[in-house]
């Protein structure tokens, strides 16, 4: 048996998504910028995807820009918006953001902008006192993720928005929604920029989107033919966009998705605690985090060792962000949340989807119990 529990790294495209992409490649391959009727139909199909994504966020469809994925969307939101401003700016970002966000901010810091990195507590909430102090030097841009990709922490975005709007009303607010879109409800009307990625919701890789509130100025990171309102040049990935739309339609059609995922999360933690009684839950309390991500430390066994042992049993999970999982280091996210280096080194992330079965969860927990009992005997002295 196999158990795929790494859905925060990527998800398996559904049959409906694959069919939608194949139809587009076979019958709707036309360039949407061309002027004849079949090409106009391709453009209409893209518009339908914009409307689907916008509807899920309660925002106008004209604010949706297609990109090659979440990383490009984050870079365009952060570097693109600050590049449109004059002179050095004060920028604020949380310490536990995805590398595509943090590295973009550090790039801007290298260009002379002032950067405040917000500390977080053990539940992944920003240090509200530090934020209040930082806002006294009005920032131009504040960025905080909707769902933490390693721990499932849910930063209190409404509280952050309220604080920023009251003390720095001219500041832009960016939310990286890659791990939250369509799994955790979100009204993007409260923010200025919001990032999405197709392959996290059972769509294809290589396509994402950025919501840009009307009036927000961006300097494009890509120049050329002027597609996507001249903000993202390059012929659009129409098969990917078709798959993205189908994935969004299917996710939105799942009844009680949040509660379903939360029940699977509860089952996973119960089964893991039964199999490994001293397993440690990292991040927020189970019910306080996102419904599809669980971060667990298995005492005395390095996460990388445990991961490969589970892999041998057909159980697939992660040591942290998939974008940096091949780098041998302890998760900076877990360290920033106050975990000891040992506990952070023991950590694995398990992430669920609507298609994860209870049998997969139980099988993974049984294997974790057997393997942990064996591996901890070899603890380094």
Protein backbone atom coordinates (compact mmCIF):
# COMPACT_ATOMS: atom_id res chain seq x y z
CA UNK A 1 0.00 0.00 0.00
CA UNK A 2 1.03 3.61 -0.52
CA UNK A 3 0.03 6.72 1.41
CA UNK A 4 0.67 10.10 -0.23
CA UNK A 5 0.63 12.66 2.58
CA UNK A 6 2.62 15.49 0.97
CA UNK A 7 -0.17 17.52 -0.59
CA UNK A 8 1.35 20.82 0.50
CA UNK A 9 4.28 20.05 -1.80
CA UNK A 10 2.00 19.23 -4.71
CA UNK A 11 -1.26 17.45 -5.44
CA UNK A 12 -2.23 14.81 -7.96
CA UNK A 13 -4.18 16.35 -10.86
CA UNK A 14 -7.68 14.92 -11.04
CA UNK A 15 -8.99 13.11 -14.08
CA UNK A 16 -11.23 16.09 -14.78
CA UNK A 17 -8.24 18.43 -14.77
CA UNK A 18 -6.25 16.16 -17.09
CA UNK A 19 -9.22 15.92 -19.47
CA UNK A 20 -9.71 19.70 -19.49
CA UNK A 21 -6.05 20.23 -20.35
CA UNK A 22 -6.11 17.60 -23.07
CA UNK A 23 -9.18 19.20 -24.66
CA UNK A 24 -7.48 22.57 -24.63
CA UNK A 25 -4.31 21.21 -26.20
CA UNK A 26 -6.22 19.25 -28.81
CA UNK A 27 -9.05 21.62 -29.73
CA UNK A 28 -8.28 24.99 -28.12
CA UNK A 29 -4.59 25.37 -28.84
CA UNK A 30 -4.97 28.81 -30.45
CA UNK A 31 -3.07 31.84 -29.23
CA UNK A 32 -5.56 33.91 -27.18
CA UNK A 33 -3.97 37.12 -28.47
CA UNK A 34 -4.89 36.35 -32.09
CA UNK A 35 -7.96 37.94 -33.64
CA UNK A 36 -9.85 35.10 -35.34
CA UNK A 37 -12.78 33.29 -33.78
CA UNK A 38 -11.07 30.15 -32.38
CA UNK A 39 -8.48 32.34 -30.68
CA UNK A 40 -11.22 34.50 -29.20
CA UNK A 41 -12.74 31.32 -27.78
CA UNK A 42 -9.40 30.57 -26.13
CA UNK A 43 -9.46 34.04 -24.61
CA UNK A 44 -13.02 33.43 -23.37
CA UNK A 45 -11.85 30.22 -21.67
CA UNK A 46 -9.16 32.22 -19.88
CA UNK A 47 -11.77 34.76 -18.82
CA UNK A 48 -13.87 31.93 -17.38
CA UNK A 49 -10.93 30.90 -15.21
CA UNK A 50 -10.42 34.47 -14.01
CA UNK A 51 -14.08 34.60 -13.04
CA UNK A 52 -13.85 31.28 -11.20
CA UNK A 53 -10.84 32.37 -9.16
CA UNK A 54 -12.24 35.83 -8.51
CA UNK A 55 -15.56 34.41 -7.39
CA UNK A 56 -13.81 32.29 -4.78
CA UNK A 57 -12.16 35.44 -3.39
CA UNK A 58 -15.12 37.84 -3.76
CA UNK A 59 -13.09 40.17 -5.99
CA UNK A 60 -13.47 41.49 -9.58
CA UNK A 61 -12.24 39.15 -12.30
CA UNK A 62 -10.26 41.94 -13.96
CA UNK A 63 -7.91 41.89 -10.98
CA UNK A 64 -6.70 38.32 -11.67
CA UNK A 65 -3.35 37.98 -13.46
CA UNK A 66 -2.03 34.62 -14.60
CA UNK A 67 1.58 33.68 -13.79
CA UNK A 68 3.77 30.61 -13.98
CA UNK A 69 3.02 29.76 -10.34
CA UNK A 70 3.10 30.98 -6.77
CA UNK A 71 6.76 31.98 -6.79
CA UNK A 72 6.38 34.30 -9.76
CA UNK A 73 3.16 35.72 -8.35
CA UNK A 74 4.84 36.45 -5.00
CA UNK A 75 7.82 38.07 -6.73
CA UNK A 76 5.58 40.18 -8.94
CA UNK A 77 3.49 41.29 -5.95
CA UNK A 78 6.45 42.21 -3.75
CA UNK A 79 9.20 43.40 -6.07
CA UNK A 80 6.74 44.72 -8.65
CA UNK A 81 4.84 46.89 -6.18
CA UNK A 82 7.91 48.29 -4.40
CA UNK A 83 9.61 49.00 -7.74
CA UNK A 84 6.70 51.30 -8.58
CA UNK A 85 7.41 53.43 -5.49
CA UNK A 86 9.84 56.33 -5.23
CA UNK A 87 12.86 56.19 -2.95
CA UNK A 88 13.74 53.81 -0.10
CA UNK A 89 10.71 52.29 1.60
CA UNK A 90 9.99 50.62 4.93
CA UNK A 91 8.81 47.03 4.40
CA UNK A 92 7.38 44.52 6.88
CA UNK A 93 7.30 40.73 6.52
CA UNK A 94 6.82 37.87 8.97
CA UNK A 95 9.77 35.64 9.84
CA UNK A 96 8.11 32.40 8.73
CA UNK A 97 7.20 33.19 5.14
CA UNK A 98 7.88 30.95 2.15
CA UNK A 99 11.32 31.51 0.55
CA UNK A 100 9.68 33.08 -2.52
CA UNK A 101 8.47 35.84 -0.21
CA UNK A 102 11.37 36.19 2.24
CA UNK A 103 14.03 36.15 -0.46
CA UNK A 104 12.15 38.80 -2.43
CA UNK A 105 12.14 41.05 0.63
CA UNK A 106 15.83 40.46 1.30
CA UNK A 107 16.52 41.30 -2.35
CA UNK A 108 14.76 44.62 -1.83
CA UNK A 109 16.67 45.17 1.41
CA UNK A 110 19.87 44.77 -0.60
CA UNK A 111 18.68 47.59 -2.87
CA UNK A 112 18.45 49.95 0.11
CA UNK A 113 14.93 49.48 1.44
CA UNK A 114 14.44 49.15 5.23
CA UNK A 115 13.11 45.78 6.35
CA UNK A 116 11.35 44.76 9.55
CA UNK A 117 11.04 41.00 10.04
CA UNK A 118 8.22 40.22 12.46
CA UNK A 119 8.84 37.61 15.11
CA UNK A 120 6.18 34.96 15.65
CA UNK A 121 5.06 32.94 18.67
CA UNK A 122 4.81 29.18 19.03
CA UNK A 123 1.42 29.18 17.32
CA UNK A 124 2.74 31.12 14.32
CA UNK A 125 1.03 34.40 15.22
CA UNK A 126 2.92 37.63 14.54
CA UNK A 127 4.39 39.53 17.47
CA UNK A 128 1.63 42.12 17.70
CA UNK A 129 3.64 44.46 19.90
CA UNK A 130 6.51 44.46 17.42
CA UNK A 131 4.04 45.08 14.58
CA UNK A 132 2.54 48.03 16.43
CA UNK A 133 6.00 49.52 16.97
CA UNK A 134 7.00 48.90 13.34
CA UNK A 135 3.88 50.65 12.07
CA UNK A 136 4.98 53.87 13.76
CA UNK A 137 7.43 54.13 10.85
CA UNK A 138 4.73 53.78 8.18
CA UNK A 139 5.55 50.90 5.82
CA UNK A 140 4.89 50.80 2.12
CA UNK A 141 4.21 47.06 2.05
CA UNK A 142 3.28 44.43 4.64
CA UNK A 143 3.28 40.72 3.75
CA UNK A 144 1.96 37.77 5.75
CA UNK A 145 0.94 34.32 4.54
CA UNK A 146 -2.61 33.01 4.91
CA UNK A 147 -1.52 29.50 5.93
CA UNK A 148 2.00 28.53 6.97
CA UNK A 149 3.25 25.87 4.58
CA UNK A 150 5.18 23.92 7.24
CA UNK A 151 2.96 24.02 10.33
CA UNK A 152 -0.50 25.01 9.09
CA UNK A 153 -0.47 28.07 11.34
CA UNK A 154 -3.22 30.57 10.54
CA UNK A 155 -1.96 34.11 11.18
CA UNK A 156 -4.78 36.42 12.25
CA UNK A 157 -5.02 38.30 8.95
CA UNK A 158 -8.09 40.40 9.93
CA UNK A 159 -6.23 41.63 13.02
CA UNK A 160 -3.15 42.43 10.94
CA UNK A 161 -5.23 44.24 8.32
CA UNK A 162 -7.01 46.29 10.99
CA UNK A 163 -3.72 47.34 12.58
CA UNK A 164 -2.14 48.30 9.26
CA UNK A 165 -5.18 50.19 7.94
CA UNK A 166 -5.45 52.19 11.17
CA UNK A 167 -1.78 53.14 11.58
CA UNK A 168 -0.47 53.04 8.00
CA UNK A 169 -3.48 53.47 5.70
CA UNK A 170 -1.33 53.97 2.59
CA UNK A 171 0.51 50.66 3.01
CA UNK A 172 -0.16 47.79 0.65
CA UNK A 173 -1.00 44.40 2.17
CA UNK A 174 0.08 41.21 0.43
CA UNK A 175 -1.11 37.75 1.46
CA UNK A 176 0.51 34.60 0.12
CA UNK A 177 -2.53 32.35 -0.26
CA UNK A 178 -0.78 29.43 -1.93
CA UNK A 179 -1.41 27.04 0.97
CA UNK A 180 -4.83 28.42 1.83
CA UNK A 181 -6.70 29.12 -1.40
CA UNK A 182 -9.95 27.11 -1.54
CA UNK A 183 -9.07 25.14 1.61
CA UNK A 184 -9.42 27.97 4.12
CA UNK A 185 -12.09 30.62 3.37
CA UNK A 186 -10.70 34.05 2.51
CA UNK A 187 -12.19 37.35 1.37
CA UNK A 188 -9.47 39.05 -0.66
CA UNK A 189 -11.31 42.38 -0.65
CA UNK A 190 -9.55 43.12 2.64
CA UNK A 191 -6.07 43.04 1.06
CA UNK A 192 -4.29 44.52 -1.96
CA UNK A 193 -2.45 41.51 -3.36
CA UNK A 194 -3.16 37.78 -3.03
CA UNK A 195 -1.20 34.85 -4.47
CA UNK A 196 -2.56 31.51 -5.77
CA UNK A 197 -1.04 28.34 -7.22
CA UNK A 198 -2.78 25.69 -9.31
CA UNK A 199 -0.84 22.60 -8.34
CA UNK A 200 -1.76 22.92 -4.66
CA UNK A 201 -5.45 22.31 -5.47
CA UNK A 202 -5.13 19.33 -7.85
CA UNK A 203 -4.41 21.47 -10.90
CA UNK A 204 -1.27 21.40 -13.06
CA UNK A 205 2.14 22.78 -12.19
CA UNK A 206 3.44 25.81 -14.05
CA UNK A 207 0.42 28.07 -13.58
CA UNK A 208 -0.67 30.40 -10.81
CA UNK A 209 -2.38 33.71 -10.34
CA UNK A 210 -2.08 37.01 -8.55
CA UNK A 211 -5.02 39.14 -7.48
CA UNK A 212 -4.18 42.84 -7.75
CA UNK A 213 -6.61 45.36 -6.29
CA UNK A 214 -7.65 48.08 -8.69
CA UNK A 215 -5.32 51.06 -8.33
CA UNK A 216 -2.28 49.11 -7.14
CA UNK A 217 0.73 49.93 -9.33
CA UNK A 218 3.16 47.20 -10.35
CA UNK A 219 6.32 47.31 -12.42
CA UNK A 220 6.38 44.11 -14.51
CA UNK A 221 9.15 41.61 -13.93
CA UNK A 222 8.78 40.28 -17.48
CA UNK A 223 8.74 42.40 -20.63
CA UNK A 224 7.55 41.52 -24.10
CA UNK A 225 4.22 41.24 -25.82
CA UNK A 226 2.12 43.00 -23.19
CA UNK A 227 -0.10 40.09 -22.15
CA UNK A 228 -1.97 40.19 -18.82
CA UNK A 229 -2.43 43.93 -18.95
CA UNK A 230 1.28 44.36 -19.77
CA UNK A 231 2.10 43.11 -16.26
CA UNK A 232 3.12 39.60 -17.27
CA UNK A 233 4.23 39.30 -20.87
CA UNK A 234 4.39 35.93 -22.59
CA UNK A 235 1.80 33.81 -24.35
CA UNK A 236 -0.51 32.48 -21.67
CA UNK A 237 -0.37 28.83 -20.66
CA UNK A 238 -3.89 28.07 -21.87
CA UNK A 239 -3.85 24.31 -21.11
CA UNK A 240 -2.58 25.07 -17.61
CA UNK A 241 -5.24 27.75 -17.15
CA UNK A 242 -7.92 25.31 -18.32
CA UNK A 243 -6.68 22.82 -15.74
CA UNK A 244 -6.55 25.52 -13.06
CA UNK A 245 -10.18 26.42 -13.72
CA UNK A 246 -11.33 22.80 -13.58
CA UNK A 247 -9.42 22.25 -10.35
CA UNK A 248 -11.05 25.32 -8.78
CA UNK A 249 -14.52 24.23 -9.95
CA UNK A 250 -14.03 20.77 -8.48
CA UNK A 251 -12.65 22.03 -5.16
CA UNK A 252 -15.49 24.52 -4.76
CA UNK A 253 -18.02 21.74 -5.43
CA UNK A 254 -16.85 19.55 -2.53
CA UNK A 255 -19.44 19.91 0.24
CA UNK A 256 -18.09 20.78 3.68
CA UNK A 257 -14.49 20.71 2.48
CA UNK A 258 -12.99 22.46 5.51
CA UNK A 259 -14.76 20.18 7.99
CA UNK A 260 -13.87 17.09 5.93
CA UNK A 261 -10.18 17.99 5.95
CA UNK A 262 -10.25 18.82 9.65
CA UNK A 263 -11.73 15.41 10.44
CA UNK A 264 -8.92 13.75 8.46
CA UNK A 265 -6.41 15.87 10.36
CA UNK A 266 -7.88 14.78 13.69
CA UNK A 267 -7.71 11.15 12.59
CA UNK A 268 -4.08 11.53 11.54
CA UNK A 269 -3.05 12.99 14.89
CA UNK A 270 -5.02 10.39 16.88
CA UNK A 271 -3.47 7.55 14.91
CA UNK A 272 0.04 8.98 15.14
CA UNK A 273 -0.25 9.51 18.90
CA UNK A 274 -1.51 5.96 19.28
CA UNK A 275 1.39 4.58 17.25
CA UNK A 276 4.04 6.91 18.72
CA UNK A 277 2.82 8.01 22.18
CA UNK A 278 5.57 10.60 22.66
CA UNK A 279 5.09 12.24 19.24
CA UNK A 280 5.02 16.03 19.50
CA UNK A 281 2.65 18.37 17.66
CA UNK A 282 4.44 21.46 16.36
CA UNK A 283 2.78 24.80 15.74
CA UNK A 284 -0.75 25.77 16.73
CA UNK A 285 -3.16 23.55 18.64
CA UNK A 286 -4.78 21.01 16.34
CA UNK A 287 -8.08 22.87 15.98
CA UNK A 288 -6.42 26.27 15.61
CA UNK A 289 -4.43 25.48 12.47
CA UNK A 290 -5.34 24.89 8.85
CA UNK A 291 -7.30 21.66 8.33
CA UNK A 292 -4.83 19.97 6.01
CA UNK A 293 -1.36 20.37 7.54
CA UNK A 294 0.13 18.61 10.59
CA UNK A 295 3.74 19.01 11.70
CA UNK A 296 4.96 16.26 14.04
CA UNK A 297 8.29 15.61 15.74
CA UNK A 298 9.33 12.00 16.32
CA UNK A 299 11.75 12.15 19.28
CA UNK A 300 15.32 10.96 18.85
CA UNK A 301 15.03 10.33 15.09
CA UNK A 302 16.12 12.91 12.52
CA UNK A 303 13.31 13.93 10.21
CA UNK A 304 15.30 13.09 7.11
CA UNK A 305 16.01 9.57 8.40
CA UNK A 306 12.36 9.03 9.32
CA UNK A 307 11.24 10.39 5.95
CA UNK A 308 13.33 7.90 3.98
CA UNK A 309 12.29 5.04 6.22
CA UNK A 310 8.64 5.91 5.61
CA UNK A 311 9.38 6.23 1.92
CA UNK A 312 10.58 2.63 1.94
CA UNK A 313 7.17 1.65 3.30
CA UNK A 314 5.34 3.68 0.62
CA UNK A 315 4.48 6.62 2.88
CA UNK A 316 5.35 10.03 1.44
CA UNK A 317 5.66 13.18 3.55
CA UNK A 318 8.11 16.08 3.91
CA UNK A 319 10.67 17.61 6.23
CA UNK A 320 9.36 21.11 5.42
CA UNK A 321 8.98 23.40 2.45
CA UNK A 322 9.29 21.43 -0.78
CA UNK A 323 11.17 24.36 -2.30
CA UNK A 324 14.04 23.92 0.17
CA UNK A 325 13.71 20.30 1.27
CA UNK A 326 16.90 19.24 -0.53
CA UNK A 327 18.97 21.63 1.56
CA UNK A 328 20.35 19.93 4.67
CA UNK A 329 19.41 22.26 7.49
CA UNK A 330 16.97 22.53 10.36
CA UNK A 331 13.77 24.36 9.40
CA UNK A 332 14.17 28.10 10.06
CA UNK A 333 10.37 28.29 10.35
CA UNK A 334 10.29 25.88 13.29
CA UNK A 335 13.24 27.62 14.94
CA UNK A 336 11.52 31.01 14.51
CA UNK A 337 8.47 29.54 16.25
CA UNK A 338 10.59 28.69 19.27
CA UNK A 339 11.25 24.98 18.83
CA UNK A 340 14.55 23.60 20.12
CA UNK A 341 17.02 22.56 17.40
CA UNK A 342 16.56 18.90 18.32
CA UNK A 343 12.78 19.04 18.13
CA UNK A 344 12.96 20.92 14.84
CA UNK A 345 15.36 18.32 13.46
CA UNK A 346 12.92 15.51 14.39
CA UNK A 347 10.02 17.15 12.53
CA UNK A 348 8.00 15.89 9.57
CA UNK A 349 5.12 17.56 7.78
CA UNK A 350 2.05 15.57 6.77
CA UNK A 351 -0.42 17.30 4.48
CA UNK A 352 -3.82 16.09 3.35
CA UNK A 353 -6.22 16.55 0.46
CA UNK A 354 -9.90 15.79 -0.08
CA UNK A 355 -8.76 12.60 -1.81
CA UNK A 356 -6.67 11.33 1.12
CA UNK A 357 -8.34 8.18 2.47
CA UNK A 358 -8.69 7.10 6.08
CA UNK A 359 -6.92 3.86 5.14
CA UNK A 360 -3.90 5.85 3.93
CA UNK A 361 -3.80 7.75 7.21
CA UNK A 362 -4.03 4.62 9.35
CA UNK A 363 -1.42 2.83 7.26
CA UNK A 364 0.98 5.78 7.55
CA UNK A 365 0.57 5.89 11.32
CA UNK A 366 1.18 2.14 11.70
CA UNK A 367 4.34 2.37 9.64
CA UNK A 368 5.50 5.41 11.60
CA UNK A 369 5.04 3.52 14.86
CA UNK A 370 7.03 0.50 13.72
CA UNK A 371 9.81 2.51 12.12
CA UNK A 372 10.18 5.01 14.94
CA UNK A 373 10.48 2.23 17.52
CA UNK A 374 13.27 0.69 15.44
CA UNK A 375 15.13 3.85 14.50
CA UNK A 376 15.25 5.48 17.90
CA UNK A 377 17.38 2.60 19.15
CA UNK A 378 20.16 4.07 17.01
CA UNK A 379 19.97 7.53 18.60
CA UNK A 380 23.28 9.35 18.41
CA UNK A 381 25.10 9.47 21.74
